[in-house]
C-alpha cells in the first residue's frame, strides 16, 4: 500500500467542502499558533472554503514574538485575515485565583 499525498489532500479538501455544504456552514475560525499543525489545517481550510471564508485567531499567552511572526507568516501565505485575542490576562487571573487553593498546576 502506498501513500499519495496529492490524492489524500484532495480527499480531505472534498470532505471539508461536503461537510460544510451538507451542514450549511459558511466559514471557519481557526486558532493559529504559527506551528505546523495549525498551518496544515489553515491550508486545507483555505483550499476547501476559500481564503475569504477563513478567519485566523492568534491567542497569545505569555508567548514569544517569534510565534506571532510565524502565525502572521501562515495567514499571509494563505491570504486569510488574522486577529489577535490575547489570553494572558485570563490565564493570569485563573492562576492567581486557583493557586491559593492548591488546584493550579504550573506544568499546564
Protein backbone atom coordinates (compact mmCIF):
# COMPACT_ATOMS: atom_id res chain seq x y z
CA UNK A 1 0.00 0.00 0.00
CA UNK A 2 1.43 3.38 -0.96
CA UNK A 3 0.57 6.86 0.23
CA UNK A 4 -0.26 9.50 -2.36
CA UNK A 5 -0.09 12.91 -0.67
CA UNK A 6 -1.86 14.76 -3.50
CA UNK A 7 -4.77 12.32 -3.59
CA UNK A 8 -5.10 12.33 0.19
CA UNK A 9 -5.04 16.13 0.27
CA UNK A 10 -7.80 16.29 -2.34
CA UNK A 11 -9.83 13.70 -0.42
CA UNK A 12 -9.59 15.79 2.77
CA UNK A 13 -10.45 19.02 0.92
CA UNK A 14 -13.52 17.38 -0.65
CA UNK A 15 -14.54 16.00 2.75
CA UNK A 16 -14.38 19.51 4.24
CA UNK A 17 -16.35 21.02 1.35
CA UNK A 18 -19.02 18.33 1.54
CA UNK A 19 -19.31 18.65 5.32
CA UNK A 20 -19.71 22.43 5.14
CA UNK A 21 -22.25 22.22 2.32
CA UNK A 22 -24.27 19.46 3.98
CA UNK A 23 -24.40 21.39 7.27
CA UNK A 24 -24.96 24.79 5.64
CA UNK A 25 -21.81 26.24 7.22
CA UNK A 26 -20.32 29.43 5.84
CA UNK A 27 -16.77 29.63 7.15
CA UNK A 28 -14.20 28.64 9.72
CA UNK A 29 -12.48 30.31 12.66
CA UNK A 30 -9.11 28.76 13.41
CA UNK A 31 -6.66 29.15 16.24
CA UNK A 32 -3.35 29.95 14.54
CA UNK A 33 -0.22 29.31 16.55
CA UNK A 34 2.23 29.50 13.70
CA UNK A 35 3.08 25.86 14.23
CA UNK A 36 2.90 23.04 11.71
CA UNK A 37 -0.46 21.68 12.83
CA UNK A 38 -2.37 24.95 12.58
CA UNK A 39 -0.55 25.76 9.34
CA UNK A 40 -1.65 22.50 7.72
CA UNK A 41 -5.24 22.94 8.91
CA UNK A 42 -5.26 26.55 7.66
CA UNK A 43 -4.03 25.44 4.26
CA UNK A 44 -6.68 22.75 3.97
CA UNK A 45 -9.47 25.08 5.09
CA UNK A 46 -8.43 27.85 2.68
CA UNK A 47 -8.23 25.36 -0.16
CA UNK A 48 -11.65 23.92 0.70
CA UNK A 49 -13.54 27.09 1.62
CA UNK A 50 -11.62 30.00 0.12
CA UNK A 51 -9.47 32.50 1.99
CA UNK A 52 -12.39 34.91 2.39
CA UNK A 53 -14.20 32.26 4.47
CA UNK A 54 -11.37 31.59 6.93
CA UNK A 55 -10.57 33.73 9.96
CA UNK A 56 -7.45 33.05 11.98
CA UNK A 57 -7.17 33.93 15.66
CA UNK A 58 -3.77 34.34 17.32
CA UNK A 59 -4.31 33.74 21.07
CA UNK A 60 -1.05 34.52 22.85
CA UNK A 61 -0.48 33.73 26.50
CA UNK A 62 3.00 34.74 27.63
CA UNK A 63 4.00 33.93 24.06
CA UNK A 64 7.16 34.77 22.15
CA UNK A 65 7.10 37.44 19.44
CA UNK A 66 8.55 34.90 17.00
CA UNK A 67 5.41 32.77 17.48
CA UNK A 68 3.26 35.74 16.46
CA UNK A 69 5.52 36.30 13.45
CA UNK A 70 5.06 32.64 12.48
CA UNK A 71 1.27 32.95 12.79
CA UNK A 72 1.42 36.05 10.58
CA UNK A 73 3.50 34.15 8.00
CA UNK A 74 0.82 31.45 7.84
CA UNK A 75 -2.02 33.95 7.41
CA UNK A 76 -0.10 35.99 4.84
CA UNK A 77 0.84 32.89 2.86
CA UNK A 78 -2.72 31.62 2.66
CA UNK A 79 -4.30 35.08 2.47
CA UNK A 80 -6.80 34.95 5.33
CA UNK A 81 -7.42 37.57 8.00
CA UNK A 82 -5.63 37.13 11.33
CA UNK A 83 -6.85 38.79 14.51
CA UNK A 84 -5.28 38.93 17.98
CA UNK A 85 -7.07 37.79 21.12
CA UNK A 86 -4.61 37.90 23.99
CA UNK A 87 -5.33 35.31 26.68
CA UNK A 88 -2.53 36.37 29.04
CA UNK A 89 -4.74 38.27 31.50
CA UNK A 90 -7.33 35.47 31.58
CA UNK A 91 -4.62 32.91 32.29
CA UNK A 92 -3.01 35.09 34.97
CA UNK A 93 -6.38 35.65 36.67
CA UNK A 94 -7.10 31.91 36.77
CA UNK A 95 -3.62 31.24 38.09
CA UNK A 96 -3.95 33.86 40.82
CA UNK A 97 -7.36 32.60 41.92
CA UNK A 98 -6.60 28.89 41.83
CA UNK A 99 -3.10 28.88 43.32
CA UNK A 100 -4.21 29.66 46.92
CA UNK A 101 -6.44 26.59 46.97
CA UNK A 102 -3.72 24.36 45.52
CA UNK A 103 -5.53 23.47 42.32
CA UNK A 104 -3.24 25.13 39.82
CA UNK A 105 -0.62 23.01 38.11
CA UNK A 106 2.32 25.05 36.78
CA UNK A 107 3.02 22.44 34.12
CA UNK A 108 -0.05 23.39 32.09
